[in-house]
Amino acid sequence: MTRRLGQRPAPAPLGRRARVACERALQLAASLWLAACGNASWDGVDEAVVRRVAEDAGRHDTGPLFAGLEGDLLLFAFLWAGLLAGFALGYFSRVLFVERAGAPAGKAGGEGLRAD
C-alpha cells in the first residue's frame, strides 16, 4: 500500500499501541526504582554469606587469587584464557568428531572413517 504525499499514515493497531504504552510504563518504573535505590549498598554473596560463614568457622581472608590483576587487566587475562581454551577445545575436538584411528580428516563426506 503506497501513501500519497500529504496523507497521514494509518494508525497502529490497538494491540501494538498498548504494548508500546506498557513498555514505556515499565521503563519509567524501572528508572524510578533505580534512582531510588542508587545509593543503597548491595552486598554480594561473598560479603553476605561466604565471609560470615568463614568467620564463624574461624577462617580468615587470604586475599584474592589473582592479586596482581585488577580491573581491566583481569578482564583481559580472562579474555585470553577463554580464547586459548576455545582454540584448544576446537582443535582437539576434531580428534573426537572427525578423525578416527588411522583415517585422515581430509576426506570429505565421511569417506575413510572407520565404523568399528
PDB file of N, CA and C in Angstrom:
ATOM      1  N   MET A   1       0.854  -1.166   0.000  1.00  0.00           N
ATOM      2  CA  MET A   1       0.000   0.000   0.000  1.00  0.00           C
ATOM      3  C   MET A   1       0.902   1.230   0.000  1.00  0.00           C
ATOM      4  N   THR A   2       0.725   2.073  -0.978  1.00  0.00           N
ATOM      5  CA  THR A   2       1.546   3.277  -1.069  1.00  0.00           C
ATOM      6  C   THR A   2       0.782   4.453  -0.486  1.00  0.00           C
ATOM      7  N   ARG A   3       1.516   5.396  -0.015  1.00  0.00           N
ATOM      8  CA  ARG A   3       0.925   6.559   0.603  1.00  0.00           C
ATOM      9  C   ARG A   3       1.178   7.758  -0.286  1.00  0.00           C
ATOM     10  N   ARG A   4       0.184   8.544  -0.469  1.00  0.00           N
ATOM     11  CA  ARG A   4       0.350   9.751  -1.262  1.00  0.00           C
ATOM     12  C   ARG A   4       0.921  10.867  -0.403  1.00  0.00           C
ATOM     13  N   LEU A   5       1.537  11.809  -1.050  1.00  0.00           N
ATOM     14  CA  LEU A   5       2.135  12.939  -0.363  1.00  0.00           C
ATOM     15  C   LEU A   5       1.050  13.716   0.376  1.00  0.00           C
ATOM     16  N   GLY A   6       1.277  13.979   1.644  1.00  0.00           N
ATOM     17  CA  GLY A   6       0.326  14.749   2.436  1.00  0.00           C
ATOM     18  C   GLY A   6      -0.652  13.881   3.205  1.00  0.00           C
ATOM     19  N   GLN A   7      -0.698  12.591   2.951  1.00  0.00           N
ATOM     20  CA  GLN A   7      -1.600  11.719   3.688  1.00  0.00           C
ATOM     21  C   GLN A   7      -0.939  11.265   4.976  1.00  0.00           C
ATOM     22  N   ARG A   8      -1.730  11.071   5.988  1.00  0.00           N
ATOM     23  CA  ARG A   8      -1.236  10.565   7.260  1.00  0.00           C
ATOM     24  C   ARG A   8      -1.134   9.046   7.181  1.00  0.00           C
ATOM     25  N   PRO A   9      -0.175   8.489   7.898  1.00  0.00           N
ATOM     26  CA  PRO A   9      -0.092   7.029   7.918  1.00  0.00           C
ATOM     27  C   PRO A   9      -1.269   6.452   8.704  1.00  0.00           C
ATOM     28  N   ALA A  10      -1.609   5.220   8.412  1.00  0.00           N
ATOM     29  CA  ALA A  10      -2.707   4.558   9.125  1.00  0.00           C
ATOM     30  C   ALA A  10      -2.312   4.385  10.580  1.00  0.00           C
ATOM     31  N   PRO A  11      -3.246   4.546  11.502  1.00  0.00           N
ATOM     32  CA  PRO A  11      -2.915   4.394  12.922  1.00  0.00           C
ATOM     33  C   PRO A  11      -2.516   2.947  13.226  1.00  0.00           C
ATOM     34  N   ALA A  12      -1.640   2.810  14.198  1.00  0.00           N
ATOM     35  CA  ALA A  12      -1.188   1.479  14.596  1.00  0.00           C
ATOM     36  C   ALA A  12      -2.345   0.733  15.237  1.00  0.00           C
ATOM     37  N   PRO A  13      -2.351  -0.581  15.123  1.00  0.00           N
ATOM     38  CA  PRO A  13      -3.413  -1.345  15.772  1.00  0.00           C
ATOM     39  C   PRO A  13      -3.373  -1.156  17.274  1.00  0.00           C
ATOM     40  N   LEU A  14      -4.501  -1.382  17.909  1.00  0.00           N
ATOM     41  CA  LEU A  14      -4.622  -1.145  19.350  1.00  0.00           C
ATOM     42  C   LEU A  14      -3.647  -2.010  20.137  1.00  0.00           C
ATOM     43  N   GLY A  15      -3.423  -3.236  19.710  1.00  0.00           N
ATOM     44  CA  GLY A  15      -2.511  -4.127  20.424  1.00  0.00           C
ATOM     45  C   GLY A  15      -1.095  -3.592  20.459  1.00  0.00           C
ATOM     46  N   ARG A  16      -0.645  -3.036  19.355  1.00  0.00           N
ATOM     47  CA  ARG A  16       0.713  -2.500  19.299  1.00  0.00           C
ATOM     48  C   ARG A  16       0.837  -1.253  20.163  1.00  0.00           C
ATOM     49  N   ARG A  17      -0.183  -0.388  20.095  1.00  0.00           N
ATOM     50  CA  ARG A  17      -0.130   0.827  20.937  1.00  0.00           C
ATOM     51  C   ARG A  17      -0.143   0.464  22.410  1.00  0.00           C
ATOM     52  N   ALA A  18      -0.931  -0.554  22.782  1.00  0.00           N
ATOM     53  CA  ALA A  18      -0.980  -0.969  24.185  1.00  0.00           C
ATOM     54  C   ALA A  18       0.354  -1.546  24.625  1.00  0.00           C
ATOM     55  N   ARG A  19       1.000  -2.320  23.741  1.00  0.00           N
ATOM     56  CA  ARG A  19       2.295  -2.906  24.074  1.00  0.00           C
ATOM     57  C   ARG A  19       3.350  -1.818  24.261  1.00  0.00           C
ATOM     58  N   VAL A  20       3.348  -0.829  23.372  1.00  0.00           N
ATOM     59  CA  VAL A  20       4.310   0.267  23.476  1.00  0.00           C
ATOM     60  C   VAL A  20       4.073   1.063  24.755  1.00  0.00           C
ATOM     61  N   ALA A  21       2.810   1.280  25.100  1.00  0.00           N
ATOM     62  CA  ALA A  21       2.494   2.008  26.334  1.00  0.00           C
ATOM     63  C   ALA A  21       2.958   1.223  27.557  1.00  0.00           C
ATOM     64  N   CYS A  22       2.781  -0.099  27.546  1.00  0.00           N
ATOM     65  CA  CYS A  22       3.246  -0.921  28.665  1.00  0.00           C
ATOM     66  C   CYS A  22       4.764  -0.905  28.772  1.00  0.00           C
ATOM     67  N   GLU A  23       5.451  -0.979  27.634  1.00  0.00           N
ATOM     68  CA  GLU A  23       6.911  -0.932  27.654  1.00  0.00           C
ATOM     69  C   GLU A  23       7.413   0.388  28.217  1.00  0.00           C
ATOM     70  N   ARG A  24       6.807   1.476  27.819  1.00  0.00           N
ATOM     71  CA  ARG A  24       7.225   2.789  28.336  1.00  0.00           C
ATOM     72  C   ARG A  24       6.944   2.910  29.818  1.00  0.00           C
ATOM     73  N   ALA A  25       5.805   2.377  30.279  1.00  0.00           N
ATOM     74  CA  ALA A  25       5.487   2.419  31.706  1.00  0.00           C
ATOM     75  C   ALA A  25       6.494   1.591  32.508  1.00  0.00           C
ATOM     76  N   LEU A  26       6.884   0.429  31.990  1.00  0.00           N
ATOM     77  CA  LEU A  26       7.881  -0.390  32.674  1.00  0.00           C
ATOM     78  C   LEU A  26       9.243   0.287  32.694  1.00  0.00           C
ATOM     79  N   GLN A  27       9.611   0.957  31.607  1.00  0.00           N
ATOM     80  CA  GLN A  27      10.874   1.681  31.576  1.00  0.00           C
ATOM     81  C   GLN A  27      10.880   2.807  32.602  1.00  0.00           C
ATOM     82  N   LEU A  28       9.775   3.508  32.703  1.00  0.00           N
ATOM     83  CA  LEU A  28       9.664   4.587  33.678  1.00  0.00           C
ATOM     84  C   LEU A  28       9.751   4.042  35.092  1.00  0.00           C
ATOM     85  N   ALA A  29       9.036   2.949  35.362  1.00  0.00           N
ATOM     86  CA  ALA A  29       9.060   2.355  36.704  1.00  0.00           C
ATOM     87  C   ALA A  29      10.461   1.855  37.049  1.00  0.00           C
ATOM     88  N   ALA A  30      11.142   1.238  36.092  1.00  0.00           N
ATOM     89  CA  ALA A  30      12.486   0.743  36.344  1.00  0.00           C
ATOM     90  C   ALA A  30      13.460   1.884  36.600  1.00  0.00           C
ATOM     91  N   SER A  31      13.352   2.966  35.838  1.00  0.00           N
ATOM     92  CA  SER A  31      14.266   4.092  36.044  1.00  0.00           C
ATOM     93  C   SER A  31      14.010   4.768  37.390  1.00  0.00           C
ATOM     94  N   LEU A  32      12.745   4.873  37.798  1.00  0.00           N
ATOM     95  CA  LEU A  32      12.447   5.452  39.115  1.00  0.00           C
ATOM     96  C   LEU A  32      12.960   4.559  40.233  1.00  0.00           C
ATOM     97  N   TRP A  33      12.814   3.235  40.064  1.00  0.00           N
ATOM     98  CA  TRP A  33      13.284   2.312  41.093  1.00  0.00           C
ATOM     99  C   TRP A  33      14.804   2.382  41.209  1.00  0.00           C
ATOM    100  N   LEU A  34      15.499   2.429  40.084  1.00  0.00           N
ATOM    101  CA  LEU A  34      16.958   2.525  40.120  1.00  0.00           C
ATOM    102  C   LEU A  34      17.425   3.841  40.726  1.00  0.00           C
ATOM    103  N   ALA A  35      16.691   4.920  40.444  1.00  0.00           N
ATOM    104  CA  ALA A  35      17.059   6.213  41.024  1.00  0.00           C
ATOM    105  C   ALA A  35      16.863   6.200  42.535  1.00  0.00           C
ATOM    106  N   ALA A  36      15.814   5.530  42.993  1.00  0.00           N
ATOM    107  CA  ALA A  36      15.541   5.486  44.429  1.00  0.00           C
ATOM    108  C   ALA A  36      16.546   4.600  45.160  1.00  0.00           C
ATOM    109  N   CYS A  37      17.003   3.541  44.523  1.00  0.00           N
ATOM    110  CA  CYS A  37      17.915   2.585  45.161  1.00  0.00           C
ATOM    111  C   CYS A  37      19.365   2.820  44.769  1.00  0.00           C
ATOM    112  N   GLY A  38      19.659   3.921  44.146  1.00  0.00           N
ATOM    113  CA  GLY A  38      21.002   4.165  43.633  1.00  0.00           C
ATOM    114  C   GLY A  38      22.078   4.209  44.688  1.00  0.00           C
ATOM    115  N   ASN A  39      21.778   4.686  45.883  1.00  0.00           N
ATOM    116  CA  ASN A  39      22.790   4.814  46.925  1.00  0.00           C
ATOM    117  C   ASN A  39      22.809   3.630  47.875  1.00  0.00           C
ATOM    118  N   ALA A  40      21.958   2.649  47.645  1.00  0.00           N
ATOM    119  CA  ALA A  40      21.882   1.501  48.538  1.00  0.00           C
ATOM    120  C   ALA A  40      23.125   0.629  48.381  1.00  0.00           C
ATOM    121  N   SER A  41      23.487  -0.036  49.448  1.00  0.00           N
ATOM    122  CA  SER A  41      24.625  -0.942  49.424  1.00  0.00           C
ATOM    123  C   SER A  41      24.123  -2.343  49.094  1.00  0.00           C
ATOM    124  N   TRP A  42      24.628  -2.888  48.000  1.00  0.00           N
ATOM    125  CA  TRP A  42      24.227  -4.221  47.581  1.00  0.00           C
ATOM    126  C   TRP A  42      25.393  -5.166  47.854  1.00  0.00           C
ATOM    127  N   ASP A  43      25.280  -5.957  48.906  1.00  0.00           N
ATOM    128  CA  ASP A  43      26.330  -6.901  49.251  1.00  0.00           C
ATOM    129  C   ASP A  43      26.229  -8.118  48.347  1.00  0.00           C
ATOM    130  N   GLY A  44      27.369  -8.572  47.876  1.00  0.00           N
ATOM    131  CA  GLY A  44      27.401  -9.775  47.061  1.00  0.00           C
ATOM    132  C   GLY A  44      27.379 -11.014  47.941  1.00  0.00           C
ATOM    133  N   VAL A  45      27.403 -12.160  47.320  1.00  0.00           N
ATOM    134  CA  VAL A  45      27.378 -13.421  48.059  1.00  0.00           C
ATOM    135  C   VAL A  45      28.629 -13.547  48.919  1.00  0.00           C
ATOM    136  N   ASP A  46      29.759 -13.055  48.420  1.00  0.00           N
ATOM    137  CA  ASP A  46      30.998 -13.148  49.194  1.00  0.00           C
ATOM    138  C   ASP A  46      30.873 -12.429  50.536  1.00  0.00           C
ATOM    139  N   GLU A  47      30.352 -11.205  50.502  1.00  0.00           N
ATOM    140  CA  GLU A  47      30.246 -10.434  51.741  1.00  0.00           C
ATOM    141  C   GLU A  47      29.094 -10.912  52.614  1.00  0.00           C
ATOM    142  N   ALA A  48      27.964 -11.228  52.005  1.00  0.00           N
ATOM    143  CA  ALA A  48      26.769 -11.538  52.775  1.00  0.00           C
ATOM    144  C   ALA A  48      26.787 -12.944  53.358  1.00  0.00           C
ATOM    145  N   VAL A  49      27.347 -13.905  52.653  1.00  0.00           N
ATOM    146  CA  VAL A  49      27.236 -15.292  53.099  1.00  0.00           C
ATOM    147  C   VAL A  49      28.602 -15.909  53.378  1.00  0.00           C
ATOM    148  N   VAL A  50      29.462 -15.922  52.384  1.00  0.00           N
ATOM    149  CA  VAL A  50      30.711 -16.675  52.485  1.00  0.00           C
ATOM    150  C   VAL A  50      31.602 -16.127  53.590  1.00  0.00           C
ATOM    151  N   ARG A  51      31.759 -14.816  53.657  1.00  0.00           N
ATOM    152  CA  ARG A  51      32.629 -14.234  54.680  1.00  0.00           C
ATOM    153  C   ARG A  51      32.099 -14.505  56.087  1.00  0.00           C
ATOM    154  N   ARG A  52      30.782 -14.400  56.257  1.00  0.00           N
ATOM    155  CA  ARG A  52      30.187 -14.644  57.578  1.00  0.00           C
ATOM    156  C   ARG A  52      30.363 -16.094  57.996  1.00  0.00           C
ATOM    157  N   VAL A  53      30.146 -17.033  57.087  1.00  0.00           N
ATOM    158  CA  VAL A  53      30.300 -18.451  57.402  1.00  0.00           C
ATOM    159  C   VAL A  53      31.761 -18.779  57.683  1.00  0.00           C
ATOM    160  N   ALA A  54      32.675 -18.186  56.913  1.00  0.00           N
ATOM    161  CA  ALA A  54      34.101 -18.424  57.137  1.00  0.00           C
ATOM    162  C   ALA A  54      34.536 -17.879  58.495  1.00  0.00           C
ATOM    163  N   GLU A  55      34.061 -16.717  58.875  1.00  0.00           N
ATOM    164  CA  GLU A  55      34.420 -16.161  60.185  1.00  0.00           C
ATOM    165  C   GLU A  55      33.836 -16.999  61.309  1.00  0.00           C
ATOM    166  N   ASP A  56      32.632 -17.532  61.122  1.00  0.00           N
ATOM    167  CA  ASP A  56      32.044 -18.411  62.136  1.00  0.00           C
ATOM    168  C   ASP A  56      32.850 -19.699  62.287  1.00  0.00           C
ATOM    169  N   ALA A  57      33.483 -20.151  61.209  1.00  0.00           N
ATOM    170  CA  ALA A  57      34.288 -21.368  61.245  1.00  0.00           C
ATOM    171  C   ALA A  57      35.720 -21.097  61.686  1.00  0.00           C
ATOM    172  N   GLY A  58      36.064 -19.833  61.912  1.00  0.00           N
ATOM    173  CA  GLY A  58      37.400 -19.491  62.374  1.00  0.00           C
ATOM    174  C   GLY A  58      38.416 -19.309  61.256  1.00  0.00           C
ATOM    175  N   ARG A  59      37.980 -19.186  60.025  1.00  0.00           N
ATOM    176  CA  ARG A  59      38.884 -18.974  58.894  1.00  0.00           C
ATOM    177  C   ARG A  59      39.018 -17.476  58.640  1.00  0.00           C
ATOM    178  N   HIS A  60      40.119 -17.062  58.060  1.00  0.00           N
ATOM    179  CA  HIS A  60      40.326 -15.656  57.742  1.00  0.00           C
ATOM    180  C   HIS A  60      40.496 -15.479  56.235  1.00  0.00           C
ATOM    181  N   ASP A  61      40.416 -14.255  55.793  1.00  0.00           N
ATOM    182  CA  ASP A  61      40.519 -13.917  54.375  1.00  0.00           C
ATOM    183  C   ASP A  61      41.975 -14.023  53.940  1.00  0.00           C
ATOM    184  N   THR A  62      42.228 -14.761  52.868  1.00  0.00           N
ATOM    185  CA  THR A  62      43.596 -14.929  52.379  1.00  0.00           C
ATOM    186  C   THR A  62      43.922 -13.982  51.239  1.00  0.00           C
ATOM    187  N   GLY A  63      42.964 -13.192  50.797  1.00  0.00           N
ATOM    188  CA  GLY A  63      43.206 -12.266  49.703  1.00  0.00           C
ATOM    189  C   GLY A  63      42.768 -12.864  48.382  1.00  0.00           C
ATOM    190  N   PRO A  64      42.821 -12.053  47.344  1.00  0.00           N
ATOM    191  CA  PRO A  64      42.361 -12.538  46.041  1.00  0.00           C
ATOM    192  C   PRO A  64      43.328 -13.559  45.444  1.00  0.00           C
ATOM    193  N   LEU A  65      42.795 -14.425  44.603  1.00  0.00           N
ATOM    194  CA  LEU A  65      43.600 -15.451  43.958  1.00  0.00           C
ATOM    195  C   LEU A  65      44.569 -14.826  42.952  1.00  0.00           C
ATOM    196  N   PHE A  66      44.089 -13.857  42.184  1.00  0.00           N
ATOM    197  CA  PHE A  66      44.921 -13.138  41.222  1.00  0.00           C
ATOM    198  C   PHE A  66      45.223 -11.759  41.798  1.00  0.00           C
ATOM    199  N   ALA A  67      46.199 -11.681  42.678  1.00  0.00           N
ATOM    200  CA  ALA A  67      46.448 -10.459  43.427  1.00  0.00           C
ATOM    201  C   ALA A  67      46.921  -9.312  42.542  1.00  0.00           C
ATOM    202  N   GLY A  68      47.726  -9.572  41.546  1.00  0.00           N
ATOM    203  CA  GLY A  68      48.274  -8.501  40.726  1.00  0.00           C
ATOM    204  C   GLY A  68      47.338  -8.024  39.631  1.00  0.00           C
ATOM    205  N   LEU A  69      46.278  -8.773  39.360  1.00  0.00           N
ATOM    206  CA  LEU A  69      45.375  -8.423  38.272  1.00  0.00           C
ATOM    207  C   LEU A  69      44.133  -7.758  38.836  1.00  0.00           C
ATOM    208  N   GLU A  70      43.912  -6.541  38.438  1.00  0.00           N
ATOM    209  CA  GLU A  70      42.737  -5.815  38.901  1.00  0.00           C
ATOM    210  C   GLU A  70      42.115  -5.072  37.731  1.00  0.00           C
ATOM    211  N   GLY A  71      40.811  -4.885  37.794  1.00  0.00           N
ATOM    212  CA  GLY A  71      40.097  -4.082  36.812  1.00  0.00           C
ATOM    213  C   GLY A  71      40.157  -4.665  35.412  1.00  0.00           C
ATOM    214  N   ASP A  72      40.529  -3.835  34.460  1.00  0.00           N
ATOM    215  CA  ASP A  72      40.541  -4.241  33.057  1.00  0.00           C
ATOM    216  C   ASP A  72      41.623  -5.269  32.755  1.00  0.00           C
ATOM    217  N   LEU A  73      42.699  -5.261  33.515  1.00  0.00           N
ATOM    218  CA  LEU A  73      43.751  -6.244  33.293  1.00  0.00           C
ATOM    219  C   LEU A  73      43.246  -7.652  33.605  1.00  0.00           C
ATOM    220  N   LEU A  74      42.423  -7.792  34.636  1.00  0.00           N
ATOM    221  CA  LEU A  74      41.834  -9.087  34.966  1.00  0.00           C
ATOM    222  C   LEU A  74      40.892  -9.538  33.856  1.00  0.00           C
ATOM    223  N   LEU A  75      40.093  -8.617  33.332  1.00  0.00           N
ATOM    224  CA  LEU A  75      39.209  -8.957  32.215  1.00  0.00           C
ATOM    225  C   LEU A  75      40.001  -9.369  30.986  1.00  0.00           C
ATOM    226  N   PHE A  76      41.093  -8.680  30.733  1.00  0.00           N
ATOM    227  CA  PHE A  76      41.948  -9.008  29.597  1.00  0.00           C
ATOM    228  C   PHE A  76      42.560 -10.395  29.764  1.00  0.00           C
ATOM    229  N   ALA A  77      42.972 -10.724  30.978  1.00  0.00           N
ATOM    230  CA  ALA A  77      43.551 -12.047  31.231  1.00  0.00           C
ATOM    231  C   ALA A  77      42.494 -13.136  31.020  1.00  0.00           C
ATOM    232  N   PHE A  78      41.267 -12.916  31.479  1.00  0.00           N
ATOM    233  CA  PHE A  78      40.214 -13.900  31.269  1.00  0.00           C
ATOM    234  C   PHE A  78      39.831 -14.003  29.798  1.00  0.00           C
ATOM    235  N   LEU A  79      39.912 -12.907  29.068  1.00  0.00           N
ATOM    236  CA  LEU A  79      39.651 -12.950  27.635  1.00  0.00           C
ATOM    237  C   LEU A  79      40.647 -13.866  26.940  1.00  0.00           C
ATOM    238  N   TRP A  80      41.928 -13.687  27.231  1.00  0.00           N
ATOM    239  CA  TRP A  80      42.949 -14.509  26.594  1.00  0.00           C
ATOM    240  C   TRP A  80      42.853 -15.955  27.042  1.00  0.00           C
ATOM    241  N   ALA A  81      42.530 -16.194  28.300  1.00  0.00           N
ATOM    242  CA  ALA A  81      42.360 -17.569  28.763  1.00  0.00           C
ATOM    243  C   ALA A  81      41.204 -18.237  28.033  1.00  0.00           C
ATOM    244  N   GLY A  82      40.111 -17.511  27.829  1.00  0.00           N
ATOM    245  CA  GLY A  82      38.975 -18.062  27.100  1.00  0.00           C
ATOM    246  C   GLY A  82      39.297 -18.314  25.643  1.00  0.00           C
ATOM    247  N   LEU A  83      40.037 -17.405  25.023  1.00  0.00           N
ATOM    248  CA  LEU A  83      40.434 -17.600  23.628  1.00  0.00           C
ATOM    249  C   LEU A  83      41.331 -18.824  23.463  1.00  0.00           C
ATOM    250  N   LEU A  84      42.302 -18.964  24.340  1.00  0.00           N
ATOM    251  CA  LEU A  84      43.203 -20.108  24.254  1.00  0.00           C
ATOM    252  C   LEU A  84      42.474 -21.416  24.538  1.00  0.00           C
ATOM    253  N   ALA A  85      41.598 -21.415  25.531  1.00  0.00           N
ATOM    254  CA  ALA A  85      40.831 -22.627  25.836  1.00  0.00           C
ATOM    255  C   ALA A  85      39.895 -22.981  24.691  1.00  0.00           C
ATOM    256  N   GLY A  86      39.260 -21.990  24.074  1.00  0.00           N
ATOM    257  CA  GLY A  86      38.386 -22.244  22.936  1.00  0.00           C
ATOM    258  C   GLY A  86      39.149 -22.793  21.752  1.00  0.00           C
ATOM    259  N   PHE A  87      40.326 -22.257  21.509  1.00  0.00           N
ATOM    260  CA  PHE A  87      41.154 -22.770  20.417  1.00  0.00           C
ATOM    261  C   PHE A  87      41.558 -24.211  20.687  1.00  0.00           C
ATOM    262  N   ALA A  88      41.986 -24.499  21.909  1.00  0.00           N
ATOM    263  CA  ALA A  88      42.413 -25.860  22.244  1.00  0.00           C
ATOM    264  C   ALA A  88      41.242 -26.836  22.139  1.00  0.00           C
ATOM    265  N   LEU A  89      40.082 -26.457  22.654  1.00  0.00           N
ATOM    266  CA  LEU A  89      38.917 -27.338  22.558  1.00  0.00           C
ATOM    267  C   LEU A  89      38.504 -27.552  21.112  1.00  0.00           C
ATOM    268  N   GLY A  90      38.520 -26.508  20.315  1.00  0.00           N
ATOM    269  CA  GLY A  90      38.160 -26.641  18.911  1.00  0.00           C
ATOM    270  C   GLY A  90      39.147 -27.479  18.132  1.00  0.00           C
ATOM    271  N   TYR A  91      40.424 -27.308  18.435  1.00  0.00           N
ATOM    272  CA  TYR A  91      41.452 -28.043  17.713  1.00  0.00           C
ATOM    273  C   TYR A  91      41.410 -29.523  18.074  1.00  0.00           C
ATOM    274  N   PHE A  92      41.302 -29.821  19.358  1.00  0.00           N
ATOM    275  CA  PHE A  92      41.353 -31.213  19.774  1.00  0.00           C
ATOM    276  C   PHE A  92      40.007 -31.919  19.653  1.00  0.00           C
ATOM    277  N   SER A  93      38.919 -31.196  19.445  1.00  0.00           N
ATOM    278  CA  SER A  93      37.624 -31.867  19.262  1.00  0.00           C
ATOM    279  C   SER A  93      37.550 -32.557  17.910  1.00  0.00           C
ATOM    280  N   ARG A  94      38.404 -32.166  16.965  1.00  0.00           N
ATOM    281  CA  ARG A  94      38.408 -32.844  15.666  1.00  0.00           C
ATOM    282  C   ARG A  94      38.807 -34.298  15.826  1.00  0.00           C
ATOM    283  N   VAL A  95      39.606 -34.592  16.831  1.00  0.00           N
ATOM    284  CA  VAL A  95      40.003 -35.968  17.081  1.00  0.00           C
ATOM    285  C   VAL A  95      38.780 -36.794  17.494  1.00  0.00           C
ATOM    286  N   LEU A  96      37.874 -36.199  18.220  1.00  0.00           N
ATOM    287  CA  LEU A  96      36.686 -36.920  18.669  1.00  0.00           C
ATOM    288  C   LEU A  96      35.636 -37.052  17.581  1.00  0.00           C
ATOM    289  N   PHE A  97      35.434 -35.992  16.795  1.00  0.00           N
ATOM    290  CA  PHE A  97      34.291 -35.954  15.897  1.00  0.00           C
ATOM    291  C   PHE A  97      34.629 -36.197  14.429  1.00  0.00           C
ATOM    292  N   VAL A  98      35.873 -36.016  14.011  1.00  0.00           N
ATOM    293  CA  VAL A  98      36.204 -36.130  12.593  1.00  0.00           C
ATOM    294  C   VAL A  98      37.145 -37.295  12.338  1.00  0.00           C
ATOM    295  N   GLU A  99      38.280 -37.262  12.960  1.00  0.00           N
ATOM    296  CA  GLU A  99      39.292 -38.271  12.700  1.00  0.00           C
ATOM    297  C   GLU A  99      39.011 -39.532  13.507  1.00  0.00           C
ATOM    298  N   ARG A 100      39.290 -40.656  12.881  1.00  0.00           N
ATOM    299  CA  ARG A 100      39.218 -41.927  13.568  1.00  0.00           C
ATOM    300  C   ARG A 100      40.586 -42.594  13.450  1.00  0.00           C
ATOM    301  N   ALA A 101      40.758 -43.691  14.078  1.00  0.00           N
ATOM    302  CA  ALA A 101      42.057 -44.360  14.118  1.00  0.00           C
ATOM    303  C   ALA A 101      42.550 -44.684  12.712  1.00  0.00           C
ATOM    304  N   GLY A 102      43.665 -44.103  12.331  1.00  0.00           N
ATOM    305  CA  GLY A 102      44.298 -44.390  11.063  1.00  0.00           C
ATOM    306  C   GLY A 102      43.668 -43.720   9.865  1.00  0.00           C
ATOM    307  N   ALA A 103      42.608 -42.920  10.033  1.00  0.00           N
ATOM    308  CA  ALA A 103      41.950 -42.269   8.895  1.00  0.00           C
ATOM    309  C   ALA A 103      42.185 -40.768   8.986  1.00  0.00           C
ATOM    310  N   PRO A 104      42.721 -40.142   7.930  1.00  0.00           N
ATOM    311  CA  PRO A 104      42.943 -38.691   7.965  1.00  0.00           C
ATOM    312  C   PRO A 104      41.629 -37.931   7.898  1.00  0.00           C
ATOM    313  N   ALA A 105      41.643 -36.673   8.357  1.00  0.00           N
ATOM    314  CA  ALA A 105      40.433 -35.853   8.377  1.00  0.00           C
ATOM    315  C   ALA A 105      40.173 -35.189   7.041  1.00  0.00           C
ATOM    316  N   GLY A 106      41.068 -35.295   6.079  1.00  0.00           N
ATOM    317  CA  GLY A 106      40.945 -34.573   4.825  1.00  0.00           C
ATOM    318  C   GLY A 106      39.907 -35.110   3.866  1.00  0.00           C
ATOM    319  N   LYS A 107      39.400 -36.306   4.086  1.00  0.00           N
ATOM    320  CA  LYS A 107      38.440 -36.888   3.153  1.00  0.00           C
ATOM    321  C   LYS A 107      37.039 -36.398   3.475  1.00  0.00           C
ATOM    322  N   ALA A 108      36.370 -35.818   2.474  1.00  0.00           N
ATOM    323  CA  ALA A 108      35.044 -35.249   2.683  1.00  0.00           C
ATOM    324  C   ALA A 108      33.981 -36.325   2.638  1.00  0.00           C
ATOM    325  N   GLY A 109      32.829 -36.038   3.260  1.00  0.00           N
ATOM    326  CA  GLY A 109      31.681 -36.907   3.173  1.00  0.00           C
ATOM    327  C   GLY A 109      31.794 -38.190   3.985  1.00  0.00           C
ATOM    328  N   GLY A 110      32.690 -38.235   4.927  1.00  0.00           N
ATOM    329  CA  GLY A 110      32.807 -39.401   5.781  1.00  0.00           C
ATOM    330  C   GLY A 110      33.597 -40.533   5.150  1.00  0.00           C
ATOM    331  N   GLU A 111      34.185 -40.336   4.015  1.00  0.00           N
ATOM    332  CA  GLU A 111      34.984 -41.380   3.393  1.00  0.00           C
ATOM    333  C   GLU A 111      36.232 -41.605   4.248  1.00  0.00           C
ATOM    334  N   GLY A 112      36.557 -42.823   4.414  1.00  0.00           N
ATOM    335  CA  GLY A 112      37.754 -43.149   5.161  1.00  0.00           C
ATOM    336  C   GLY A 112      37.518 -43.267   6.657  1.00  0.00           C
ATOM    337  N   LEU A 113      36.297 -43.025   7.119  1.00  0.00           N
ATOM    338  CA  LEU A 113      36.017 -43.188   8.532  1.00  0.00           C
ATOM    339  C   LEU A 113      35.761 -44.658   8.825  1.00  0.00           C
ATOM    340  N   ARG A 114      36.270 -45.107   9.897  1.00  0.00           N
ATOM    341  CA  ARG A 114      36.065 -46.498  10.272  1.00  0.00           C
ATOM    342  C   ARG A 114      34.826 -46.616  11.143  1.00  0.00           C
ATOM    343  N   ALA A 115      34.083 -47.673  10.943  1.00  0.00           N
ATOM    344  CA  ALA A 115      32.871 -47.900  11.718  1.00  0.00           C
ATOM    345  C   ALA A 115      33.069 -49.073  12.658  1.00  0.00           C
ATOM    346  N   ASP A 116      34.136 -49.063  13.418  1.00  0.00           N
ATOM    347  CA  ASP A 116      34.419 -50.181  14.338  1.00  0.00           C
ATOM    348  C   ASP A 116      33.471 -50.123  15.503  1.00  0.00           C
TER     349      ASP A 116
END
